[in-house]
Amino acid sequence: MKKNEINVKKSRLSVSVVIPTYKDEKYINKTLKDVKSVLEKMGFDYEIIVVVDGLIDGTFNIVSELSKRLKKIKTVAYKVNRGKGYALRQGFSLAKGDLIGFIDADGQIKAQAIESALKKLTNSDADMVIGSKKHLLSKVVYSTERRILSKMSQFFIKLLFNVGVSDTQAGLKMFKRKVIGEIGPRLTVDRFAIDIEILSVAKFMGYKNIEEIPIEVKSVDHGGQKIIQTISFVDLFKTFSDSLKIFYQLRIDKFYSLNNKDKWIKLDKPDHSPR
């Protein structure tokens, strides 16, 4: 395929990037500008949907001010924190792009990975492309404690689900619209196990062509201080319990099958419009 043919193909596609955010006033401004810069550089028609998962700090005000000047940034907000999974479900249901994905708001994963994900998705038969900290070319700055927890959690996830990827939890994933359109209504998890549910349901539905790409995971700089965001033990326990719930729904209850459509189409819908 010639270069200009690829460009023509891309110009006909639109991209939606969902950014779930909770107490990210320190990082959200830079993350949004970085994501916007990558999408504009690639020449896609795009929208960025920021889901403010709880009005806790100044994140909503920062995003609202940006969206007034940058019309392609849309904001969804609600008062009470519900979790990453809930926020993503809100964003996915509003996304209009041919390619739909998400990236974490804290900037630990460099936004340039979006470019790699979109190139892979548009130039291959992949159903979805995900960032992977385990990729041989990834550059990851993590504490020893975080590395141990990551290895333990991935072993547990592989034991239960065996979704065929080396890293389920990296906060960068990109999908073709049909894929997330079919997966989205079936999703139930509100918090961090949403990544596991997405990949498990995708495999259940026959979407097995998942490409992993390298990412750069770095500490974020706030006032000259390098900060690595961590997950609390409470969140770890909730992720564990949600994983067992997913396993039950997948293997025993058959919740995700079309025969149970009457159950999963009743899941909560977005209760707030983009602002």
C-alpha atoms as a PDB file:
ATOM      1  CA  MET A   1       0.000   0.000   0.000  1.00  0.00           C
ATOM      2  CA  LYS A   2       1.348   3.392  -0.953  1.00  0.00           C
ATOM      3  CA  LYS A   3       1.808   6.146   1.588  1.00  0.00           C
ATOM      4  CA  ASN A   4      -0.889   8.379   0.131  1.00  0.00           C
ATOM      5  CA  GLU A   5      -3.351   5.471   0.140  1.00  0.00           C
ATOM      6  CA  ILE A   6      -2.781   5.010   3.871  1.00  0.00           C
ATOM      7  CA  ASN A   7      -3.362   8.719   4.438  1.00  0.00           C
ATOM      8  CA  VAL A   8      -6.610   8.632   2.466  1.00  0.00           C
ATOM      9  CA  LYS A   9      -7.760   5.668   4.545  1.00  0.00           C
ATOM     10  CA  LYS A  10      -6.933   7.433   7.782  1.00  0.00           C
ATOM     11  CA  SER A  11      -8.638  10.669   6.709  1.00  0.00           C
ATOM     12  CA  ARG A  12     -11.911   8.774   6.479  1.00  0.00           C
ATOM     13  CA  LEU A  13     -11.622   7.428  10.009  1.00  0.00           C
ATOM     14  CA  SER A  14     -12.514   9.135  13.249  1.00  0.00           C
ATOM     15  CA  VAL A  15     -11.049   8.445  16.670  1.00  0.00           C
ATOM     16  CA  SER A  16     -12.542   8.704  20.149  1.00  0.00           C
ATOM     17  CA  VAL A  17     -10.183   8.666  23.115  1.00  0.00           C
ATOM     18  CA  VAL A  18     -11.823   8.278  26.525  1.00  0.00           C
ATOM     19  CA  ILE A  19      -9.879   9.552  29.538  1.00  0.00           C
ATOM     20  CA  PRO A  20     -11.296   8.474  32.913  1.00  0.00           C
ATOM     21  CA  THR A  21     -10.043  10.769  35.638  1.00  0.00           C
ATOM     22  CA  TYR A  22     -10.258  10.932  39.425  1.00  0.00           C
ATOM     23  CA  LYS A  23      -8.366  13.488  41.515  1.00  0.00           C
ATOM     24  CA  ASP A  24      -5.980  14.235  38.634  1.00  0.00           C
ATOM     25  CA  GLU A  25      -5.857  18.030  38.792  1.00  0.00           C
ATOM     26  CA  LYS A  26      -2.040  17.841  38.953  1.00  0.00           C
ATOM     27  CA  TYR A  27      -1.742  15.976  35.663  1.00  0.00           C
ATOM     28  CA  ILE A  28      -4.869  16.337  33.512  1.00  0.00           C
ATOM     29  CA  ASN A  29      -3.909  19.552  31.713  1.00  0.00           C
ATOM     30  CA  LYS A  30      -0.657  18.098  30.349  1.00  0.00           C
ATOM     31  CA  THR A  31      -2.236  14.740  29.517  1.00  0.00           C
ATOM     32  CA  LEU A  32      -4.991  16.377  27.474  1.00  0.00           C
ATOM     33  CA  LYS A  33      -2.552  18.563  25.570  1.00  0.00           C
ATOM     34  CA  ASP A  34      -0.286  15.579  24.855  1.00  0.00           C
ATOM     35  CA  VAL A  35      -3.173  13.418  23.603  1.00  0.00           C
ATOM     36  CA  LYS A  36      -4.509  16.266  21.479  1.00  0.00           C
ATOM     37  CA  SER A  37      -1.064  16.839  19.969  1.00  0.00           C
ATOM     38  CA  VAL A  38      -0.697  13.159  18.984  1.00  0.00           C
ATOM     39  CA  LEU A  39      -4.149  12.952  17.369  1.00  0.00           C
ATOM     40  CA  GLU A  40      -3.701  16.181  15.415  1.00  0.00           C
ATOM     41  CA  LYS A  41      -0.274  15.090  14.219  1.00  0.00           C
ATOM     42  CA  MET A  42      -1.783  11.883  12.814  1.00  0.00           C
ATOM     43  CA  GLY A  43      -4.486  13.737  10.923  1.00  0.00           C
ATOM     44  CA  PHE A  44      -7.507  11.871  12.274  1.00  0.00           C
ATOM     45  CA  ASP A  45     -10.840  13.496  12.928  1.00  0.00           C
ATOM     46  CA  TYR A  46     -11.083  13.017  16.677  1.00  0.00           C
ATOM     47  CA  GLU A  47     -12.826  13.656  19.957  1.00  0.00           C
ATOM     48  CA  ILE A  48     -11.487  13.385  23.486  1.00  0.00           C
ATOM     49  CA  ILE A  49     -14.072  12.413  26.094  1.00  0.00           C
ATOM     50  CA  VAL A  50     -12.982  13.182  29.648  1.00  0.00           C
ATOM     51  CA  VAL A  51     -15.040  11.422  32.314  1.00  0.00           C
ATOM     52  CA  VAL A  52     -14.573  13.129  35.682  1.00  0.00           C
ATOM     53  CA  ASP A  53     -15.282  10.273  38.074  1.00  0.00           C
ATOM     54  CA  GLY A  54     -16.301  12.276  41.128  1.00  0.00           C
ATOM     55  CA  LEU A  55     -16.188  16.011  41.796  1.00  0.00           C
ATOM     56  CA  ILE A  56     -13.473  15.773  44.438  1.00  0.00           C
ATOM     57  CA  ASP A  57     -10.889  18.360  43.394  1.00  0.00           C
ATOM     58  CA  GLY A  58     -10.314  20.932  40.652  1.00  0.00           C
ATOM     59  CA  THR A  59     -10.103  18.442  37.762  1.00  0.00           C
ATOM     60  CA  PHE A  60     -13.547  19.269  36.400  1.00  0.00           C
ATOM     61  CA  ASN A  61     -12.880  23.021  36.383  1.00  0.00           C
ATOM     62  CA  ILE A  62      -9.587  22.534  34.534  1.00  0.00           C
ATOM     63  CA  VAL A  63     -11.153  20.298  31.885  1.00  0.00           C
ATOM     64  CA  SER A  64     -14.176  22.593  31.510  1.00  0.00           C
ATOM     65  CA  GLU A  65     -11.955  25.586  30.809  1.00  0.00           C
ATOM     66  CA  LEU A  66      -9.979  23.608  28.237  1.00  0.00           C
ATOM     67  CA  SER A  67     -13.128  22.343  26.524  1.00  0.00           C
ATOM     68  CA  LYS A  68     -14.363  25.920  26.055  1.00  0.00           C
ATOM     69  CA  ARG A  69     -11.276  26.660  23.971  1.00  0.00           C
ATOM     70  CA  LEU A  70     -10.794  23.221  22.421  1.00  0.00           C
ATOM     71  CA  LYS A  71     -14.142  22.077  21.071  1.00  0.00           C
ATOM     72  CA  LYS A  72     -13.006  18.512  20.461  1.00  0.00           C
ATOM     73  CA  ILE A  73     -12.700  17.944  24.190  1.00  0.00           C
ATOM     74  CA  LYS A  74     -15.977  16.813  25.773  1.00  0.00           C
ATOM     75  CA  THR A  75     -16.586  16.470  29.490  1.00  0.00           C
ATOM     76  CA  VAL A  76     -18.802  14.126  31.475  1.00  0.00           C
ATOM     77  CA  ALA A  77     -18.927  14.564  35.260  1.00  0.00           C
ATOM     78  CA  TYR A  78     -20.812  13.276  38.263  1.00  0.00           C
ATOM     79  CA  LYS A  79     -20.506  13.965  41.983  1.00  0.00           C
ATOM     80  CA  VAL A  80     -19.764  10.563  43.525  1.00  0.00           C
ATOM     81  CA  ASN A  81     -16.720   8.484  42.592  1.00  0.00           C
ATOM     82  CA  ARG A  82     -17.770   5.188  40.969  1.00  0.00           C
ATOM     83  CA  GLY A  83     -14.495   3.827  39.613  1.00  0.00           C
ATOM     84  CA  LYS A  84     -12.535   3.486  36.385  1.00  0.00           C
ATOM     85  CA  GLY A  85     -14.836   0.822  34.963  1.00  0.00           C
ATOM     86  CA  TYR A  86     -17.961   2.898  35.472  1.00  0.00           C
ATOM     87  CA  ALA A  87     -16.248   5.928  33.949  1.00  0.00           C
ATOM     88  CA  LEU A  88     -15.129   3.972  30.898  1.00  0.00           C
ATOM     89  CA  ARG A  89     -18.628   2.625  30.326  1.00  0.00           C
ATOM     90  CA  GLN A  90     -19.924   6.181  30.319  1.00  0.00           C
ATOM     91  CA  GLY A  91     -17.276   7.276  27.832  1.00  0.00           C
ATOM     92  CA  PHE A  92     -17.634   4.272  25.516  1.00  0.00           C
ATOM     93  CA  SER A  93     -21.387   4.742  25.221  1.00  0.00           C
ATOM     94  CA  LEU A  94     -20.918   8.353  24.102  1.00  0.00           C
ATOM     95  CA  ALA A  95     -17.999   7.754  21.723  1.00  0.00           C
ATOM     96  CA  LYS A  96     -18.727   8.303  18.024  1.00  0.00           C
ATOM     97  CA  GLY A  97     -15.387   7.304  16.509  1.00  0.00           C
ATOM     98  CA  ASP A  98     -14.588   4.447  14.130  1.00  0.00           C
ATOM     99  CA  LEU A  99     -11.711   3.655  16.486  1.00  0.00           C
ATOM    100  CA  ILE A 100     -12.359   3.940  20.225  1.00  0.00           C
ATOM    101  CA  GLY A 101      -9.919   3.637  23.077  1.00  0.00           C
ATOM    102  CA  PHE A 102      -8.730   4.969  26.389  1.00  0.00           C
ATOM    103  CA  ILE A 103      -5.618   6.119  28.195  1.00  0.00           C
ATOM    104  CA  ASP A 104      -5.063   6.821  31.883  1.00  0.00           C
ATOM    105  CA  ALA A 105      -5.178  10.456  32.954  1.00  0.00           C
ATOM    106  CA  ASP A 106      -2.096  10.647  35.161  1.00  0.00           C
ATOM    107  CA  GLY A 107       0.443  10.756  32.340  1.00  0.00           C
ATOM    108  CA  GLN A 108       2.476   7.764  33.483  1.00  0.00           C
ATOM    109  CA  ILE A 109       1.952   6.187  30.053  1.00  0.00           C
ATOM    110  CA  LYS A 110       3.339   8.568  27.446  1.00  0.00           C
ATOM    111  CA  ALA A 111       0.657   9.727  25.012  1.00  0.00           C
ATOM    112  CA  GLN A 112       2.889   8.877  22.041  1.00  0.00           C
ATOM    113  CA  ALA A 113       1.803   5.265  22.542  1.00  0.00           C
ATOM    114  CA  ILE A 114      -1.594   6.272  21.119  1.00  0.00           C
ATOM    115  CA  GLU A 115       0.120   6.843  17.773  1.00  0.00           C
ATOM    116  CA  SER A 116       1.624   3.337  17.824  1.00  0.00           C
ATOM    117  CA  ALA A 117      -1.729   1.816  18.790  1.00  0.00           C
ATOM    118  CA  LEU A 118      -3.635   3.589  16.010  1.00  0.00           C
ATOM    119  CA  LYS A 119      -1.046   2.704  13.380  1.00  0.00           C
ATOM    120  CA  LYS A 120      -1.198  -0.948  14.400  1.00  0.00           C
ATOM    121  CA  LEU A 121      -5.000  -0.926  14.439  1.00  0.00           C
ATOM    122  CA  THR A 122      -5.365   0.686  11.008  1.00  0.00           C
ATOM    123  CA  ASN A 123      -2.618  -1.290   9.284  1.00  0.00           C
ATOM    124  CA  SER A 124      -3.406  -4.788  10.563  1.00  0.00           C
ATOM    125  CA  ASP A 125      -6.315  -7.143  11.133  1.00  0.00           C
ATOM    126  CA  ALA A 126      -6.179  -6.595  14.893  1.00  0.00           C
ATOM    127  CA  ASP A 127      -9.493  -6.357  16.726  1.00  0.00           C
ATOM    128  CA  MET A 128      -7.815  -4.357  19.461  1.00  0.00           C
ATOM    129  CA  VAL A 129      -4.380  -3.043  20.375  1.00  0.00           C
ATOM    130  CA  ILE A 130      -3.225  -2.803  23.975  1.00  0.00           C
ATOM    131  CA  GLY A 131      -0.216  -1.358  25.701  1.00  0.00           C
ATOM    132  CA  SER A 132       1.969  -3.855  27.519  1.00  0.00           C
ATOM    133  CA  LYS A 133       4.500  -3.234  30.253  1.00  0.00           C
ATOM    134  CA  LYS A 134       5.822  -6.749  29.575  1.00  0.00           C
ATOM    135  CA  HIS A 135       6.739  -6.046  25.944  1.00  0.00           C
ATOM    136  CA  LEU A 136      10.480  -6.437  25.334  1.00  0.00           C
ATOM    137  CA  LEU A 137      10.700  -2.874  24.005  1.00  0.00           C
ATOM    138  CA  SER A 138       8.748  -1.261  26.837  1.00  0.00           C
ATOM    139  CA  LYS A 139      10.495   1.136  29.197  1.00  0.00           C
ATOM    140  CA  VAL A 140       9.036   0.896  32.676  1.00  0.00           C
ATOM    141  CA  VAL A 141       9.979   2.772  35.843  1.00  0.00           C
ATOM    142  CA  TYR A 142       8.454   0.846  38.744  1.00  0.00           C
ATOM    143  CA  SER A 143       9.358   0.166  42.353  1.00  0.00           C
ATOM    144  CA  THR A 144      10.321  -3.381  43.361  1.00  0.00           C
ATOM    145  CA  GLU A 145       7.087  -3.639  45.360  1.00  0.00           C
ATOM    146  CA  ARG A 146       5.005  -2.633  42.339  1.00  0.00           C
ATOM    147  CA  ARG A 147       6.816  -5.142  40.116  1.00  0.00           C
ATOM    148  CA  ILE A 148       6.134  -7.976  42.589  1.00  0.00           C
ATOM    149  CA  LEU A 149       2.447  -7.047  42.861  1.00  0.00           C
ATOM    150  CA  SER A 150       2.208  -6.858  39.073  1.00  0.00           C
ATOM    151  CA  LYS A 151       3.719 -10.330  38.624  1.00  0.00           C
ATOM    152  CA  MET A 152       1.427 -11.817  41.255  1.00  0.00           C
ATOM    153  CA  SER A 153      -1.696 -10.257  39.781  1.00  0.00           C
ATOM    154  CA  GLN A 154      -0.833 -11.320  36.231  1.00  0.00           C
ATOM    155  CA  PHE A 155      -0.240 -14.898  37.394  1.00  0.00           C
ATOM    156  CA  PHE A 156      -3.653 -14.895  39.075  1.00  0.00           C
ATOM    157  CA  ILE A 157      -5.343 -13.390  36.004  1.00  0.00           C
ATOM    158  CA  LYS A 158      -3.714 -15.907  33.663  1.00  0.00           C
ATOM    159  CA  LEU A 159      -4.796 -18.759  35.921  1.00  0.00           C
ATOM    160  CA  LEU A 160      -8.441 -17.677  35.871  1.00  0.00           C
ATOM    161  CA  PHE A 161      -8.866 -16.226  32.384  1.00  0.00           C
ATOM    162  CA  ASN A 162      -5.887 -16.976  30.111  1.00  0.00           C
ATOM    163  CA  VAL A 163      -6.827 -14.187  27.708  1.00  0.00           C
ATOM    164  CA  GLY A 164      -3.609 -14.629  25.745  1.00  0.00           C
ATOM    165  CA  VAL A 165      -1.819 -11.381  26.549  1.00  0.00           C
ATOM    166  CA  SER A 166       1.162 -10.689  28.786  1.00  0.00           C
ATOM    167  CA  ASP A 167      -0.264  -7.589  30.505  1.00  0.00           C
ATOM    168  CA  THR A 168      -3.979  -7.020  31.029  1.00  0.00           C
ATOM    169  CA  GLN A 169      -3.765  -3.934  33.241  1.00  0.00           C
ATOM    170  CA  ALA A 170      -1.833  -1.266  31.294  1.00  0.00           C
ATOM    171  CA  GLY A 171      -3.943   1.872  30.945  1.00  0.00           C
ATOM    172  CA  LEU A 172      -3.881   2.095  27.153  1.00  0.00           C
ATOM    173  CA  LYS A 173      -6.244   0.152  24.916  1.00  0.00           C
ATOM    174  CA  MET A 174      -7.661   0.871  21.457  1.00  0.00           C
ATOM    175  CA  PHE A 175     -10.526  -0.953  19.710  1.00  0.00           C
ATOM    176  CA  LYS A 176     -12.339  -1.042  16.421  1.00  0.00           C
ATOM    177  CA  ARG A 177     -15.834   0.343  16.904  1.00  0.00           C
ATOM    178  CA  LYS A 178     -17.601  -2.966  16.277  1.00  0.00           C
ATOM    179  CA  VAL A 179     -15.595  -4.634  19.038  1.00  0.00           C
ATOM    180  CA  ILE A 180     -16.281  -2.151  21.819  1.00  0.00           C
ATOM    181  CA  GLY A 181     -19.834  -1.715  20.517  1.00  0.00           C
ATOM    182  CA  GLU A 182     -20.528  -5.378  21.219  1.00  0.00           C
ATOM    183  CA  ILE A 183     -18.495  -5.638  24.413  1.00  0.00           C
ATOM    184  CA  GLY A 184     -19.654  -2.383  26.019  1.00  0.00           C
ATOM    185  CA  PRO A 185     -23.273  -3.269  26.882  1.00  0.00           C
ATOM    186  CA  ARG A 186     -22.090  -6.450  28.616  1.00  0.00           C
ATOM    187  CA  LEU A 187     -19.612  -4.775  30.974  1.00  0.00           C
ATOM    188  CA  THR A 188     -20.468  -4.735  34.669  1.00  0.00           C
ATOM    189  CA  VAL A 189     -17.312  -3.938  36.651  1.00  0.00           C
ATOM    190  CA  ASP A 190     -17.037  -0.463  38.168  1.00  0.00           C
ATOM    191  CA  ARG A 191     -13.388  -0.404  39.193  1.00  0.00           C
ATOM    192  CA  PHE A 192      -9.915  -1.590  38.169  1.00  0.00           C
ATOM    193  CA  ALA A 193     -10.906  -5.093  37.050  1.00  0.00           C
ATOM    194  CA  ILE A 194     -12.578  -3.494  34.019  1.00  0.00           C
ATOM    195  CA  ASP A 195      -9.475  -4.299  31.925  1.00  0.00           C
ATOM    196  CA  ILE A 196      -9.834  -7.985  32.786  1.00  0.00           C
ATOM    197  CA  GLU A 197     -13.538  -7.925  31.956  1.00  0.00           C
ATOM    198  CA  ILE A 198     -12.967  -6.221  28.599  1.00  0.00           C
ATOM    199  CA  LEU A 199     -10.366  -8.759  27.506  1.00  0.00           C
ATOM    200  CA  SER A 200     -12.280 -11.756  28.874  1.00  0.00           C
ATOM    201  CA  VAL A 201     -15.526 -10.754  27.181  1.00  0.00           C
ATOM    202  CA  ALA A 202     -13.660 -10.013  23.935  1.00  0.00           C
ATOM    203  CA  LYS A 203     -12.199 -13.531  23.942  1.00  0.00           C
ATOM    204  CA  PHE A 204     -15.595 -15.015  24.842  1.00  0.00           C
ATOM    205  CA  MET A 205     -17.119 -13.262  21.828  1.00  0.00           C
ATOM    206  CA  GLY A 206     -14.423 -14.473  19.464  1.00  0.00           C
ATOM    207  CA  TYR A 207     -12.278 -11.342  19.276  1.00  0.00           C
ATOM    208  CA  LYS A 208      -8.909 -13.016  19.737  1.00  0.00           C
ATOM    209  CA  ASN A 209      -6.719 -10.901  17.465  1.00  0.00           C
ATOM    210  CA  ILE A 210      -5.203  -8.706  20.155  1.00  0.00           C
ATOM    211  CA  GLU A 211      -1.911  -6.962  19.416  1.00  0.00           C
ATOM    212  CA  GLU A 212       0.384  -5.795  22.213  1.00  0.00           C
ATOM    213  CA  ILE A 213       2.622  -2.771  21.743  1.00  0.00           C
ATOM    214  CA  PRO A 214       5.489  -1.391  23.831  1.00  0.00           C
ATOM    215  CA  ILE A 215       4.821   1.570  26.092  1.00  0.00           C
ATOM    216  CA  GLU A 216       6.919   3.920  28.159  1.00  0.00           C
ATOM    217  CA  VAL A 217       5.781   4.103  31.766  1.00  0.00           C
ATOM    218  CA  LYS A 218       7.404   6.872  33.746  1.00  0.00           C
ATOM    219  CA  SER A 219       7.016   8.754  36.981  1.00  0.00           C
ATOM    220  CA  VAL A 220       5.055  11.981  36.741  1.00  0.00           C
ATOM    221  CA  ASP A 221       6.608  15.254  37.786  1.00  0.00           C
ATOM    222  CA  HIS A 222       4.736  17.484  40.209  1.00  0.00           C
ATOM    223  CA  GLY A 223       6.552  20.492  41.542  1.00  0.00           C
ATOM    224  CA  GLY A 224       9.929  18.901  40.925  1.00  0.00           C
ATOM    225  CA  GLN A 225       8.894  15.742  42.768  1.00  0.00           C
ATOM    226  CA  LYS A 226       8.738  12.454  40.846  1.00  0.00           C
ATOM    227  CA  ILE A 227       5.560  10.546  41.683  1.00  0.00           C
ATOM    228  CA  ILE A 228       4.599   6.979  40.805  1.00  0.00           C
ATOM    229  CA  GLN A 229       0.875   6.405  41.214  1.00  0.00           C
ATOM    230  CA  THR A 230       0.107   3.235  43.160  1.00  0.00           C
ATOM    231  CA  ILE A 231      -2.945   1.079  43.782  1.00  0.00           C
ATOM    232  CA  SER A 232      -3.997   0.629  47.400  1.00  0.00           C
ATOM    233  CA  PHE A 233      -4.520  -2.726  49.099  1.00  0.00           C
ATOM    234  CA  VAL A 234      -8.238  -1.901  49.319  1.00  0.00           C
ATOM    235  CA  ASP A 235      -8.295  -1.488  45.542  1.00  0.00           C
ATOM    236  CA  LEU A 236      -6.293  -4.712  45.152  1.00  0.00           C
ATOM    237  CA  PHE A 237      -8.851  -6.592  47.239  1.00  0.00           C
ATOM    238  CA  LYS A 238     -11.713  -5.080  45.227  1.00  0.00           C
ATOM    239  CA  THR A 239      -9.966  -6.051  41.983  1.00  0.00           C
ATOM    240  CA  PHE A 240      -9.598  -9.598  43.311  1.00  0.00           C
ATOM    241  CA  SER A 241     -13.276  -9.854  44.275  1.00  0.00           C
ATOM    242  CA  ASP A 242     -14.401  -8.314  40.968  1.00  0.00           C
ATOM    243  CA  SER A 243     -12.204 -10.812  39.108  1.00  0.00           C
ATOM    244  CA  LEU A 244     -13.999 -13.663  40.860  1.00  0.00           C
ATOM    245  CA  LYS A 245     -17.303 -12.063  39.877  1.00  0.00           C
ATOM    246  CA  ILE A 246     -16.190 -11.915  36.234  1.00  0.00           C
ATOM    247  CA  PHE A 247     -15.087 -15.554  36.383  1.00  0.00           C
ATOM    248  CA  TYR A 248     -18.480 -16.600  37.779  1.00  0.00           C
ATOM    249  CA  GLN A 249     -20.376 -14.608  35.135  1.00  0.00           C
ATOM    250  CA  LEU A 250     -18.152 -15.948  32.374  1.00  0.00           C
ATOM    251  CA  ARG A 251     -17.799 -19.631  33.273  1.00  0.00           C
ATOM    252  CA  ILE A 252     -20.814 -20.481  35.423  1.00  0.00           C
ATOM    253  CA  ASP A 253     -23.652 -17.980  34.991  1.00  0.00           C
ATOM    254  CA  LYS A 254     -22.974 -17.419  31.249  1.00  0.00           C
ATOM    255  CA  PHE A 255     -24.015 -13.814  31.873  1.00  0.00           C
ATOM    256  CA  TYR A 256     -22.215 -12.459  28.800  1.00  0.00           C
ATOM    257  CA  SER A 257     -23.990 -14.713  26.287  1.00  0.00           C
ATOM    258  CA  LEU A 258     -26.691 -13.389  23.992  1.00  0.00           C
ATOM    259  CA  ASN A 259     -29.177 -15.627  25.770  1.00  0.00           C
ATOM    260  CA  ASN A 260     -28.827 -13.345  28.805  1.00  0.00           C
ATOM    261  CA  LYS A 261     -29.381 -10.145  26.842  1.00  0.00           C
ATOM    262  CA  ASP A 262     -32.390  -9.244  28.972  1.00  0.00           C
ATOM    263  CA  LYS A 263     -30.054  -9.048  31.962  1.00  0.00           C
ATOM    264  CA  TRP A 264     -27.108  -7.126  30.579  1.00  0.00           C
ATOM    265  CA  ILE A 265     -28.982  -4.523  28.565  1.00  0.00           C
ATOM    266  CA  LYS A 266     -30.453  -3.261  31.853  1.00  0.00           C
ATOM    267  CA  LEU A 267     -27.078  -2.129  33.193  1.00  0.00           C
ATOM    268  CA  ASP A 268     -26.865   1.522  34.161  1.00  0.00           C
ATOM    269  CA  LYS A 269     -26.573   4.012  31.334  1.00  0.00           C
ATOM    270  CA  PRO A 270     -24.784   7.387  31.349  1.00  0.00           C
ATOM    271  CA  ASP A 271     -26.636   9.798  33.601  1.00  0.00           C
ATOM    272  CA  HIS A 272     -24.857  12.926  32.430  1.00  0.00           C
ATOM    273  CA  SER A 273     -24.436  14.552  29.045  1.00  0.00           C
ATOM    274  CA  PRO A 274     -21.133  15.907  27.716  1.00  0.00           C
ATOM    275  CA  ARG A 275     -20.532  19.484  28.812  1.00  0.00           C
END
